[in-house]
Amino acid sequence: MFHGGFSGGPGFGWPGFGPGFGPGFGPGFGGPGFGGPGFGFGGPGFGGHGFGKRRKWATLATAALLLDGPANAEQIVQRVTEATDGAFTPPREVAEAAIARLAGRGVVTIDNGVATLTEFGQSMLASRGVTSQTAHSFLARAAQFGDVFKIRRELFELAGLARTITWSGTDEQKEKLAEAKTKVLAALTEAKKSLYGALAQS
């Protein structure tokens, strides 16, 4: 299941949510990059410059999925998993935090861990053109890029390991890194040639 980054580009956004939702869907509902123009809550009291784009995405996605009915954090996770056909499964604690933020802004009420949209929450989503259908459509489109996001996540993790060993690794670890680097770079070069070749044939 995917817990890493979303690396979307222009056009990955829900129309009507305002400009620039930016990174999000990762250690949140993803990692850096999935958002793009058209996916922003914005507005006083909900969004703002300090809200954190990943958290903002997770919070918005949670609110949208509550259009399907009240849910607790575990059910929100299940809805994301089902909507993306298993491509993405956010950590439960992310959904819990998103529900708490929504409650703090009056978007939902919470009863025994179950969140229900308030009239204000429903009106806010409606004013931005968000419906259950658009939410599921967006998540279904995102799922099509599951393999792309997995590649990005693995490369990001690999780069992090290489950085750690470069800075503080033992001589033996650095030897292993040198061996791995040769193999990885050769594999990446071959993969790029293959993909460029495929594009050239289209």
N, C-alpha and C. Protein backbone atom coordinates (compact mmCIF):
# COMPACT_ATOMS: atom_id res chain seq x y z
N MET A 1 0.83 -1.19 0.00
CA MET A 1 0.00 0.00 0.00
C MET A 1 0.87 1.25 0.00
N PHE A 2 0.36 2.28 -0.57
CA PHE A 2 1.16 3.48 -0.75
C PHE A 2 1.08 4.38 0.47
N HIS A 3 2.26 4.77 0.97
CA HIS A 3 2.30 5.74 2.06
C HIS A 3 3.29 6.86 1.73
N GLY A 4 3.83 6.87 0.55
CA GLY A 4 4.87 7.83 0.23
C GLY A 4 4.33 9.04 -0.50
N GLY A 5 5.13 9.57 -1.44
CA GLY A 5 4.82 10.85 -2.01
C GLY A 5 3.97 10.81 -3.24
N PHE A 6 3.26 11.89 -3.43
CA PHE A 6 2.48 12.09 -4.63
C PHE A 6 3.24 13.07 -5.49
N SER A 7 3.57 12.71 -6.66
CA SER A 7 4.32 13.62 -7.53
C SER A 7 3.48 13.99 -8.72
N GLY A 8 2.47 14.78 -8.48
CA GLY A 8 1.58 15.16 -9.57
C GLY A 8 2.11 16.35 -10.31
N GLY A 9 1.45 16.71 -11.37
CA GLY A 9 1.83 17.87 -12.15
C GLY A 9 0.63 18.75 -12.35
N PRO A 10 0.71 19.70 -13.24
CA PRO A 10 -0.40 20.59 -13.51
C PRO A 10 -1.64 19.79 -13.88
N GLY A 11 -2.76 20.25 -13.42
CA GLY A 11 -4.00 19.59 -13.78
C GLY A 11 -4.50 18.61 -12.75
N PHE A 12 -3.68 18.29 -11.76
CA PHE A 12 -4.13 17.39 -10.72
C PHE A 12 -4.75 18.21 -9.61
N GLY A 13 -6.01 18.48 -9.73
CA GLY A 13 -6.67 19.26 -8.71
C GLY A 13 -8.16 19.18 -8.89
N TRP A 14 -8.86 19.50 -7.83
CA TRP A 14 -10.31 19.53 -7.90
C TRP A 14 -10.74 20.92 -8.30
N PRO A 15 -11.39 21.05 -9.44
CA PRO A 15 -11.89 22.37 -9.83
C PRO A 15 -12.80 22.93 -8.73
N GLY A 16 -12.66 24.23 -8.51
CA GLY A 16 -13.52 24.86 -7.53
C GLY A 16 -12.95 24.95 -6.13
N PHE A 17 -11.75 24.40 -5.92
CA PHE A 17 -11.18 24.47 -4.58
C PHE A 17 -10.23 25.64 -4.42
N GLY A 18 -10.08 26.43 -5.44
CA GLY A 18 -9.20 27.57 -5.31
C GLY A 18 -7.80 27.22 -5.75
N PRO A 19 -6.92 28.20 -5.83
CA PRO A 19 -5.59 28.00 -6.39
C PRO A 19 -4.64 27.29 -5.44
N GLY A 20 -3.75 26.52 -6.05
CA GLY A 20 -2.53 26.09 -5.38
C GLY A 20 -2.66 25.23 -4.17
N PHE A 21 -3.21 24.04 -4.27
CA PHE A 21 -3.23 23.19 -3.09
C PHE A 21 -1.89 22.59 -2.82
N GLY A 22 -1.06 22.48 -3.85
CA GLY A 22 0.34 22.10 -3.65
C GLY A 22 0.53 20.69 -3.15
N PRO A 23 1.69 20.43 -2.45
CA PRO A 23 2.03 19.09 -2.02
C PRO A 23 0.99 18.47 -1.12
N GLY A 24 0.91 17.16 -1.17
CA GLY A 24 0.07 16.53 -0.19
C GLY A 24 -0.42 15.15 -0.56
N PHE A 25 -0.66 14.31 0.25
CA PHE A 25 -1.25 12.98 0.14
C PHE A 25 -0.30 11.95 0.64
N GLY A 26 0.68 12.39 1.39
CA GLY A 26 1.72 11.46 1.72
C GLY A 26 1.84 11.16 3.16
N PRO A 27 3.01 11.36 3.82
CA PRO A 27 2.99 11.14 5.25
C PRO A 27 1.94 12.09 5.79
N GLY A 28 0.91 12.07 5.23
CA GLY A 28 -0.22 12.94 5.37
C GLY A 28 -1.24 12.16 4.64
N PHE A 29 -1.45 12.39 3.44
CA PHE A 29 -2.09 11.44 2.55
C PHE A 29 -1.11 11.26 1.42
N GLY A 30 0.15 11.28 1.64
CA GLY A 30 1.14 11.11 0.61
C GLY A 30 2.33 11.97 0.89
N GLY A 31 3.10 12.33 -0.09
CA GLY A 31 4.29 13.12 0.10
C GLY A 31 4.26 14.32 -0.80
N PRO A 32 5.43 14.89 -1.09
CA PRO A 32 5.48 16.13 -1.85
C PRO A 32 4.90 15.96 -3.23
N GLY A 33 4.17 16.96 -3.67
CA GLY A 33 3.93 17.09 -5.09
C GLY A 33 2.54 16.90 -5.62
N PHE A 34 1.63 16.25 -4.95
CA PHE A 34 0.33 16.03 -5.58
C PHE A 34 -0.61 17.12 -5.17
N GLY A 35 -1.08 17.83 -6.12
CA GLY A 35 -1.98 18.95 -5.87
C GLY A 35 -2.10 19.71 -7.16
N GLY A 36 -1.32 20.72 -7.31
CA GLY A 36 -1.34 21.47 -8.55
C GLY A 36 -2.44 22.51 -8.54
N PRO A 37 -2.53 23.28 -9.62
CA PRO A 37 -3.51 24.35 -9.71
C PRO A 37 -4.92 23.83 -9.49
N GLY A 38 -5.73 24.61 -8.80
CA GLY A 38 -7.12 24.27 -8.65
C GLY A 38 -7.46 23.47 -7.42
N PHE A 39 -6.47 23.20 -6.57
CA PHE A 39 -6.78 22.37 -5.41
C PHE A 39 -6.36 23.06 -4.14
N GLY A 40 -7.04 24.10 -3.77
CA GLY A 40 -6.69 24.81 -2.54
C GLY A 40 -7.92 25.23 -1.79
N PHE A 41 -7.90 25.06 -0.48
CA PHE A 41 -9.02 25.53 0.32
C PHE A 41 -8.96 27.04 0.45
N GLY A 42 -7.81 27.51 0.94
CA GLY A 42 -7.64 28.95 1.07
C GLY A 42 -8.70 29.58 1.97
N GLY A 43 -8.73 30.88 1.97
CA GLY A 43 -9.77 31.58 2.71
C GLY A 43 -9.43 31.74 4.18
N PRO A 44 -9.96 32.75 4.80
CA PRO A 44 -9.69 33.00 6.21
C PRO A 44 -10.12 31.84 7.08
N GLY A 45 -9.26 31.46 8.00
CA GLY A 45 -9.64 30.46 8.97
C GLY A 45 -9.52 29.03 8.49
N PHE A 46 -9.27 28.84 7.22
CA PHE A 46 -9.16 27.46 6.74
C PHE A 46 -8.16 27.42 5.61
N GLY A 47 -6.94 27.15 5.94
CA GLY A 47 -5.89 27.18 4.93
C GLY A 47 -4.82 28.12 5.42
N GLY A 48 -4.71 29.23 4.74
CA GLY A 48 -3.72 30.20 5.17
C GLY A 48 -2.31 29.70 4.90
N HIS A 49 -1.37 30.60 5.06
CA HIS A 49 0.01 30.26 4.71
C HIS A 49 0.64 29.26 5.68
N GLY A 50 0.19 29.21 6.93
CA GLY A 50 0.85 28.36 7.89
C GLY A 50 0.18 27.01 8.10
N PHE A 51 -0.81 26.70 7.31
CA PHE A 51 -1.59 25.50 7.60
C PHE A 51 -0.87 24.23 7.22
N GLY A 52 0.06 24.31 6.30
CA GLY A 52 0.79 23.12 5.88
C GLY A 52 0.06 22.44 4.76
N LYS A 53 0.71 22.40 3.59
CA LYS A 53 -0.01 21.93 2.41
C LYS A 53 -0.38 20.46 2.48
N ARG A 54 0.47 19.64 3.05
CA ARG A 54 0.13 18.22 3.15
C ARG A 54 -1.06 18.02 4.08
N ARG A 55 -0.99 18.68 5.23
CA ARG A 55 -2.09 18.56 6.18
C ARG A 55 -3.38 19.12 5.59
N LYS A 56 -3.24 20.20 4.83
CA LYS A 56 -4.42 20.82 4.22
C LYS A 56 -5.07 19.86 3.23
N TRP A 57 -4.25 19.16 2.44
CA TRP A 57 -4.80 18.20 1.48
C TRP A 57 -5.52 17.08 2.21
N ALA A 58 -4.87 16.54 3.23
CA ALA A 58 -5.47 15.44 3.98
C ALA A 58 -6.78 15.87 4.62
N THR A 59 -6.80 17.09 5.14
CA THR A 59 -8.00 17.60 5.79
C THR A 59 -9.13 17.77 4.79
N LEU A 60 -8.81 18.33 3.64
CA LEU A 60 -9.81 18.53 2.60
C LEU A 60 -10.34 17.20 2.07
N ALA A 61 -9.45 16.26 1.83
CA ALA A 61 -9.88 14.96 1.34
C ALA A 61 -10.80 14.27 2.35
N THR A 62 -10.47 14.41 3.62
CA THR A 62 -11.30 13.82 4.67
C THR A 62 -12.69 14.45 4.67
N ALA A 63 -12.74 15.78 4.57
CA ALA A 63 -14.04 16.46 4.54
C ALA A 63 -14.86 15.99 3.35
N ALA A 64 -14.22 15.88 2.18
CA ALA A 64 -14.94 15.46 0.98
C ALA A 64 -15.48 14.04 1.13
N LEU A 65 -14.70 13.16 1.73
CA LEU A 65 -15.15 11.77 1.88
C LEU A 65 -16.27 11.65 2.91
N LEU A 66 -16.39 12.61 3.79
CA LEU A 66 -17.50 12.60 4.75
C LEU A 66 -18.83 12.93 4.09
N LEU A 67 -18.80 13.37 2.84
CA LEU A 67 -20.03 13.55 2.08
C LEU A 67 -20.73 12.21 1.86
N ASP A 68 -19.97 11.12 1.98
CA ASP A 68 -20.56 9.79 1.85
C ASP A 68 -21.26 9.35 3.13
N GLY A 69 -21.14 10.16 4.17
CA GLY A 69 -21.76 9.82 5.44
C GLY A 69 -20.77 9.89 6.58
N PRO A 70 -21.23 9.92 7.82
CA PRO A 70 -20.34 9.98 8.98
C PRO A 70 -19.34 8.83 8.97
N ALA A 71 -18.17 9.08 9.54
CA ALA A 71 -17.13 8.05 9.56
C ALA A 71 -16.10 8.36 10.63
N ASN A 72 -15.48 7.31 11.14
CA ASN A 72 -14.33 7.50 12.01
C ASN A 72 -13.06 7.42 11.19
N ALA A 73 -11.92 7.55 11.84
CA ALA A 73 -10.65 7.58 11.11
C ALA A 73 -10.42 6.31 10.31
N GLU A 74 -10.71 5.18 10.93
CA GLU A 74 -10.50 3.91 10.25
C GLU A 74 -11.36 3.79 9.00
N GLN A 75 -12.58 4.31 9.07
CA GLN A 75 -13.47 4.26 7.91
C GLN A 75 -13.02 5.22 6.82
N ILE A 76 -12.45 6.35 7.21
CA ILE A 76 -11.90 7.27 6.22
C ILE A 76 -10.76 6.60 5.45
N VAL A 77 -9.88 5.93 6.19
CA VAL A 77 -8.79 5.20 5.55
C VAL A 77 -9.35 4.16 4.57
N GLN A 78 -10.38 3.45 5.00
CA GLN A 78 -10.99 2.44 4.14
C GLN A 78 -11.61 3.06 2.89
N ARG A 79 -12.21 4.23 3.03
CA ARG A 79 -12.81 4.90 1.88
C ARG A 79 -11.75 5.33 0.87
N VAL A 80 -10.62 5.82 1.37
CA VAL A 80 -9.54 6.18 0.46
C VAL A 80 -9.04 4.94 -0.27
N THR A 81 -8.84 3.87 0.47
CA THR A 81 -8.35 2.62 -0.12
C THR A 81 -9.30 2.13 -1.21
N GLU A 82 -10.58 2.15 -0.91
CA GLU A 82 -11.57 1.68 -1.88
C GLU A 82 -11.67 2.61 -3.08
N ALA A 83 -11.63 3.91 -2.84
CA ALA A 83 -11.77 4.88 -3.92
C ALA A 83 -10.58 4.84 -4.88
N THR A 84 -9.43 4.43 -4.36
CA THR A 84 -8.23 4.35 -5.21
C THR A 84 -7.92 2.92 -5.61
N ASP A 85 -8.87 2.02 -5.37
CA ASP A 85 -8.72 0.61 -5.74
C ASP A 85 -7.45 0.02 -5.13
N GLY A 86 -7.17 0.42 -3.89
CA GLY A 86 -6.03 -0.13 -3.17
C GLY A 86 -4.70 0.53 -3.44
N ALA A 87 -4.68 1.56 -4.30
CA ALA A 87 -3.40 2.19 -4.65
C ALA A 87 -2.85 3.02 -3.49
N PHE A 88 -3.72 3.58 -2.66
CA PHE A 88 -3.29 4.45 -1.58
C PHE A 88 -4.03 4.09 -0.29
N THR A 89 -3.27 4.00 0.79
CA THR A 89 -3.85 3.76 2.11
C THR A 89 -3.15 4.69 3.10
N PRO A 90 -3.79 5.80 3.45
CA PRO A 90 -3.14 6.74 4.37
C PRO A 90 -3.06 6.15 5.77
N PRO A 91 -2.06 6.53 6.55
CA PRO A 91 -1.99 6.08 7.94
C PRO A 91 -3.21 6.55 8.73
N ARG A 92 -3.66 5.73 9.64
CA ARG A 92 -4.85 6.08 10.43
C ARG A 92 -4.65 7.36 11.21
N GLU A 93 -3.44 7.56 11.73
CA GLU A 93 -3.22 8.75 12.55
C GLU A 93 -3.37 10.03 11.74
N VAL A 94 -3.14 9.94 10.44
CA VAL A 94 -3.32 11.10 9.57
C VAL A 94 -4.81 11.45 9.48
N ALA A 95 -5.63 10.43 9.29
CA ALA A 95 -7.07 10.65 9.23
C ALA A 95 -7.59 11.18 10.56
N GLU A 96 -7.05 10.68 11.67
CA GLU A 96 -7.47 11.16 12.98
C GLU A 96 -7.13 12.64 13.14
N ALA A 97 -5.93 13.02 12.72
CA ALA A 97 -5.52 14.41 12.83
C ALA A 97 -6.37 15.30 11.93
N ALA A 98 -6.70 14.81 10.75
CA ALA A 98 -7.53 15.59 9.84
C ALA A 98 -8.92 15.82 10.42
N ILE A 99 -9.49 14.79 11.00
CA ILE A 99 -10.81 14.92 11.63
C ILE A 99 -10.75 15.95 12.76
N ALA A 100 -9.69 15.90 13.55
CA ALA A 100 -9.55 16.84 14.66
C ALA A 100 -9.46 18.28 14.14
N ARG A 101 -8.73 18.49 13.05
CA ARG A 101 -8.62 19.84 12.49
C ARG A 101 -9.97 20.31 11.96
N LEU A 102 -10.70 19.42 11.32
CA LEU A 102 -12.02 19.78 10.81
C LEU A 102 -12.96 20.17 11.95
N ALA A 103 -12.88 19.42 13.04
CA ALA A 103 -13.71 19.73 14.20
C ALA A 103 -13.35 21.09 14.77
N GLY A 104 -12.07 21.40 14.81
CA GLY A 104 -11.61 22.67 15.34
C GLY A 104 -12.07 23.86 14.52
N ARG A 105 -12.42 23.61 13.27
CA ARG A 105 -12.87 24.68 12.38
C ARG A 105 -14.38 24.65 12.17
N GLY A 106 -15.05 23.79 12.93
CA GLY A 106 -16.50 23.75 12.84
C GLY A 106 -17.03 23.06 11.61
N VAL A 107 -16.16 22.34 10.90
CA VAL A 107 -16.58 21.66 9.67
C VAL A 107 -17.29 20.35 10.00
N VAL A 108 -16.90 19.73 11.11
CA VAL A 108 -17.53 18.47 11.53
C VAL A 108 -17.80 18.52 13.03
N THR A 109 -18.68 17.63 13.46
CA THR A 109 -18.83 17.33 14.88
C THR A 109 -18.34 15.91 15.09
N ILE A 110 -17.89 15.61 16.29
CA ILE A 110 -17.37 14.28 16.58
C ILE A 110 -18.14 13.67 17.75
N ASP A 111 -18.58 12.44 17.57
CA ASP A 111 -19.27 11.71 18.62
C ASP A 111 -18.69 10.30 18.68
N ASN A 112 -17.99 10.01 19.78
CA ASN A 112 -17.33 8.71 19.94
C ASN A 112 -16.41 8.39 18.77
N GLY A 113 -15.68 9.41 18.33
CA GLY A 113 -14.72 9.21 17.25
C GLY A 113 -15.30 9.28 15.86
N VAL A 114 -16.61 9.37 15.75
CA VAL A 114 -17.27 9.41 14.44
C VAL A 114 -17.52 10.87 14.04
N ALA A 115 -17.01 11.26 12.88
CA ALA A 115 -17.14 12.63 12.39
C ALA A 115 -18.35 12.76 11.47
N THR A 116 -19.08 13.84 11.64
CA THR A 116 -20.24 14.15 10.81
C THR A 116 -20.12 15.59 10.33
N LEU A 117 -20.31 15.82 9.05
CA LEU A 117 -20.25 17.17 8.52
C LEU A 117 -21.34 18.04 9.13
N THR A 118 -20.98 19.25 9.50
CA THR A 118 -21.96 20.22 9.95
C THR A 118 -22.58 20.92 8.75
N GLU A 119 -23.59 21.72 8.98
CA GLU A 119 -24.17 22.50 7.88
C GLU A 119 -23.13 23.42 7.28
N PHE A 120 -22.30 23.97 8.15
CA PHE A 120 -21.22 24.84 7.65
C PHE A 120 -20.28 24.06 6.75
N GLY A 121 -19.90 22.84 7.17
CA GLY A 121 -19.01 22.02 6.36
C GLY A 121 -19.62 21.66 5.02
N GLN A 122 -20.90 21.30 5.03
CA GLN A 122 -21.57 20.95 3.79
C GLN A 122 -21.65 22.16 2.86
N SER A 123 -21.96 23.32 3.44
CA SER A 123 -22.06 24.53 2.63
C SER A 123 -20.71 24.92 2.05
N MET A 124 -19.66 24.77 2.86
CA MET A 124 -18.32 25.12 2.39
C MET A 124 -17.92 24.27 1.20
N LEU A 125 -18.15 22.95 1.28
CA LEU A 125 -17.81 22.07 0.17
C LEU A 125 -18.67 22.38 -1.04
N ALA A 126 -19.97 22.60 -0.82
CA ALA A 126 -20.87 22.89 -1.93
C ALA A 126 -20.48 24.17 -2.65
N SER A 127 -20.04 25.18 -1.89
CA SER A 127 -19.68 26.46 -2.49
C SER A 127 -18.46 26.34 -3.38
N ARG A 128 -17.68 25.27 -3.17
CA ARG A 128 -16.48 25.05 -3.97
C ARG A 128 -16.70 23.96 -5.02
N GLY A 129 -17.93 23.55 -5.17
CA GLY A 129 -18.25 22.58 -6.20
C GLY A 129 -17.84 21.15 -5.88
N VAL A 130 -17.60 20.86 -4.60
CA VAL A 130 -17.15 19.54 -4.22
C VAL A 130 -18.35 18.67 -3.87
N THR A 131 -18.44 17.54 -4.51
CA THR A 131 -19.48 16.55 -4.23
C THR A 131 -18.82 15.21 -3.98
N SER A 132 -19.60 14.25 -3.53
CA SER A 132 -19.07 12.90 -3.37
C SER A 132 -18.54 12.37 -4.69
N GLN A 133 -19.24 12.68 -5.77
CA GLN A 133 -18.83 12.20 -7.09
C GLN A 133 -17.49 12.79 -7.51
N THR A 134 -17.29 14.10 -7.32
CA THR A 134 -16.01 14.70 -7.71
C THR A 134 -14.87 14.18 -6.84
N ALA A 135 -15.16 13.94 -5.56
CA ALA A 135 -14.13 13.41 -4.67
C ALA A 135 -13.67 12.04 -5.13
N HIS A 136 -14.62 11.17 -5.42
CA HIS A 136 -14.27 9.82 -5.86
C HIS A 136 -13.63 9.83 -7.24
N SER A 137 -14.06 10.73 -8.09
CA SER A 137 -13.46 10.84 -9.41
C SER A 137 -12.00 11.25 -9.32
N PHE A 138 -11.72 12.20 -8.43
CA PHE A 138 -10.34 12.65 -8.24
C PHE A 138 -9.46 11.53 -7.73
N LEU A 139 -9.94 10.80 -6.73
CA LEU A 139 -9.15 9.72 -6.15
C LEU A 139 -8.96 8.59 -7.15
N ALA A 140 -9.96 8.34 -7.97
CA ALA A 140 -9.82 7.30 -8.99
C ALA A 140 -8.76 7.68 -10.02
N ARG A 141 -8.71 8.95 -10.38
CA ARG A 141 -7.69 9.42 -11.31
C ARG A 141 -6.30 9.30 -10.68
N ALA A 142 -6.22 9.64 -9.40
CA ALA A 142 -4.93 9.55 -8.71
C ALA A 142 -4.43 8.12 -8.70
N ALA A 143 -5.34 7.17 -8.55
CA ALA A 143 -4.95 5.76 -8.46
C ALA A 143 -4.25 5.28 -9.72
N GLN A 144 -4.56 5.91 -10.86
CA GLN A 144 -3.95 5.50 -12.12
C GLN A 144 -2.44 5.73 -12.11
N PHE A 145 -1.97 6.58 -11.20
CA PHE A 145 -0.56 6.92 -11.15
C PHE A 145 0.15 6.23 -9.98
N GLY A 146 -0.47 5.18 -9.45
CA GLY A 146 0.11 4.49 -8.31
C GLY A 146 1.52 4.00 -8.55
N ASP A 147 1.77 3.42 -9.72
CA ASP A 147 3.11 2.90 -10.02
C ASP A 147 4.13 4.04 -10.11
N VAL A 148 3.70 5.16 -10.68
CA VAL A 148 4.60 6.31 -10.79
C VAL A 148 5.00 6.80 -9.41
N PHE A 149 4.01 6.90 -8.51
CA PHE A 149 4.29 7.38 -7.17
C PHE A 149 5.16 6.40 -6.40
N LYS A 150 4.98 5.10 -6.66
CA LYS A 150 5.79 4.10 -5.98
C LYS A 150 7.24 4.23 -6.41
N ILE A 151 7.48 4.46 -7.69
CA ILE A 151 8.85 4.65 -8.18
C ILE A 151 9.47 5.86 -7.50
N ARG A 152 8.72 6.95 -7.44
CA ARG A 152 9.23 8.16 -6.80
C ARG A 152 9.57 7.89 -5.35
N ARG A 153 8.69 7.19 -4.64
CA ARG A 153 8.92 6.91 -3.23
C ARG A 153 10.19 6.10 -3.03
N GLU A 154 10.36 5.05 -3.85
CA GLU A 154 11.52 4.18 -3.70
C GLU A 154 12.81 4.94 -4.00
N LEU A 155 12.79 5.79 -5.03
CA LEU A 155 13.98 6.57 -5.37
C LEU A 155 14.29 7.59 -4.27
N PHE A 156 13.25 8.17 -3.70
CA PHE A 156 13.44 9.13 -2.62
C PHE A 156 14.07 8.45 -1.41
N GLU A 157 13.57 7.26 -1.08
CA GLU A 157 14.12 6.52 0.05
C GLU A 157 15.56 6.11 -0.22
N LEU A 158 15.83 5.68 -1.44
CA LEU A 158 17.19 5.28 -1.81
C LEU A 158 18.16 6.45 -1.69
N ALA A 159 17.72 7.62 -2.16
CA ALA A 159 18.56 8.81 -2.07
C ALA A 159 18.84 9.17 -0.62
N GLY A 160 17.84 8.98 0.25
CA GLY A 160 18.03 9.27 1.66
C GLY A 160 19.05 8.35 2.29
N LEU A 161 19.00 7.07 1.94
CA LEU A 161 19.98 6.12 2.46
C LEU A 161 21.39 6.48 1.98
N ALA A 162 21.49 6.83 0.70
CA ALA A 162 22.79 7.20 0.15
C ALA A 162 23.35 8.43 0.85
N ARG A 163 22.50 9.40 1.13
CA ARG A 163 22.94 10.62 1.79
C ARG A 163 23.44 10.32 3.20
N THR A 164 22.68 9.48 3.92
CA THR A 164 23.08 9.14 5.29
C THR A 164 24.44 8.46 5.32
N ILE A 165 24.63 7.48 4.42
CA ILE A 165 25.90 6.74 4.39
C ILE A 165 27.03 7.66 3.95
N THR A 166 26.77 8.54 3.00
CA THR A 166 27.81 9.46 2.55
C THR A 166 28.30 10.34 3.68
N TRP A 167 27.38 10.79 4.53
CA TRP A 167 27.75 11.71 5.59
C TRP A 167 28.33 10.99 6.81
N SER A 168 27.78 9.85 7.16
CA SER A 168 28.17 9.26 8.44
C SER A 168 28.41 7.74 8.39
N GLY A 169 28.48 7.19 7.19
CA GLY A 169 28.64 5.75 7.09
C GLY A 169 30.07 5.29 7.37
N THR A 170 30.18 4.00 7.68
CA THR A 170 31.49 3.40 7.86
C THR A 170 32.13 3.15 6.49
N ASP A 171 33.40 2.80 6.50
CA ASP A 171 34.08 2.51 5.23
C ASP A 171 33.39 1.35 4.51
N GLU A 172 32.98 0.34 5.27
CA GLU A 172 32.30 -0.80 4.66
C GLU A 172 30.97 -0.39 4.04
N GLN A 173 30.22 0.46 4.74
CA GLN A 173 28.94 0.94 4.22
C GLN A 173 29.15 1.77 2.96
N LYS A 174 30.22 2.56 2.94
CA LYS A 174 30.48 3.39 1.76
C LYS A 174 30.89 2.53 0.57
N GLU A 175 31.55 1.41 0.82
CA GLU A 175 31.87 0.49 -0.27
C GLU A 175 30.59 -0.10 -0.84
N LYS A 176 29.67 -0.47 0.03
CA LYS A 176 28.37 -1.00 -0.41
C LYS A 176 27.62 0.06 -1.21
N LEU A 177 27.70 1.30 -0.76
CA LEU A 177 27.04 2.39 -1.46
C LEU A 177 27.61 2.55 -2.86
N ALA A 178 28.92 2.46 -2.98
CA ALA A 178 29.55 2.60 -4.30
C ALA A 178 29.09 1.50 -5.24
N GLU A 179 28.98 0.27 -4.72
CA GLU A 179 28.50 -0.84 -5.53
C GLU A 179 27.05 -0.61 -5.96
N ALA A 180 26.24 -0.20 -4.99
CA ALA A 180 24.82 0.03 -5.29
C ALA A 180 24.65 1.17 -6.28
N LYS A 181 25.45 2.22 -6.13
CA LYS A 181 25.34 3.37 -7.02
C LYS A 181 25.60 2.97 -8.47
N THR A 182 26.61 2.15 -8.68
CA THR A 182 26.92 1.70 -10.04
C THR A 182 25.75 0.93 -10.64
N LYS A 183 25.17 0.03 -9.84
CA LYS A 183 24.05 -0.78 -10.32
C LYS A 183 22.81 0.08 -10.59
N VAL A 184 22.51 0.98 -9.65
CA VAL A 184 21.31 1.80 -9.78
C VAL A 184 21.41 2.74 -10.97
N LEU A 185 22.54 3.41 -11.12
CA LEU A 185 22.70 4.34 -12.23
C LEU A 185 22.63 3.63 -13.57
N ALA A 186 23.20 2.42 -13.64
CA ALA A 186 23.13 1.65 -14.88
C ALA A 186 21.68 1.26 -15.18
N ALA A 187 20.95 0.85 -14.13
CA ALA A 187 19.55 0.46 -14.32
C ALA A 187 18.70 1.65 -14.72
N LEU A 188 18.94 2.81 -14.11
CA LEU A 188 18.18 4.00 -14.44
C LEU A 188 18.46 4.45 -15.87
N THR A 189 19.71 4.40 -16.27
CA THR A 189 20.07 4.78 -17.63
C THR A 189 19.37 3.89 -18.65
N GLU A 190 19.35 2.60 -18.39
CA GLU A 190 18.69 1.66 -19.28
C GLU A 190 17.18 1.89 -19.32
N ALA A 191 16.61 2.15 -18.14
CA ALA A 191 15.17 2.40 -18.07
C ALA A 191 14.79 3.66 -18.84
N LYS A 192 15.58 4.71 -18.72
CA LYS A 192 15.29 5.94 -19.45
C LYS A 192 15.39 5.74 -20.95
N LYS A 193 16.39 5.01 -21.38
CA LYS A 193 16.52 4.73 -22.82
C LYS A 193 15.29 3.99 -23.34
N SER A 194 14.85 3.01 -22.55
CA SER A 194 13.70 2.22 -22.96
C SER A 194 12.43 3.08 -23.05
N LEU A 195 12.22 3.95 -22.06
CA LEU A 195 11.04 4.78 -22.05
C LEU A 195 11.08 5.87 -23.13
N TYR A 196 12.24 6.47 -23.34
CA TYR A 196 12.38 7.44 -24.42
C TYR A 196 12.13 6.78 -25.77
N GLY A 197 12.61 5.54 -25.89
CA GLY A 197 12.38 4.81 -27.12
C GLY A 197 10.91 4.54 -27.35
N ALA A 198 10.20 4.19 -26.27
CA ALA A 198 8.77 3.93 -26.39
C ALA A 198 8.01 5.19 -26.78
N LEU A 199 8.43 6.33 -26.20
CA LEU A 199 7.77 7.60 -26.55
C LEU A 199 8.04 7.99 -28.01
N ALA A 200 9.23 7.70 -28.47
CA ALA A 200 9.59 8.04 -29.84
C ALA A 200 8.78 7.25 -30.86
N GLN A 201 8.31 6.08 -30.45
CA GLN A 201 7.53 5.25 -31.36
C GLN A 201 6.07 5.64 -31.42
N SER A 202 5.64 6.44 -30.48
CA SER A 202 4.22 6.82 -30.44
C SER A 202 3.93 7.99 -31.37
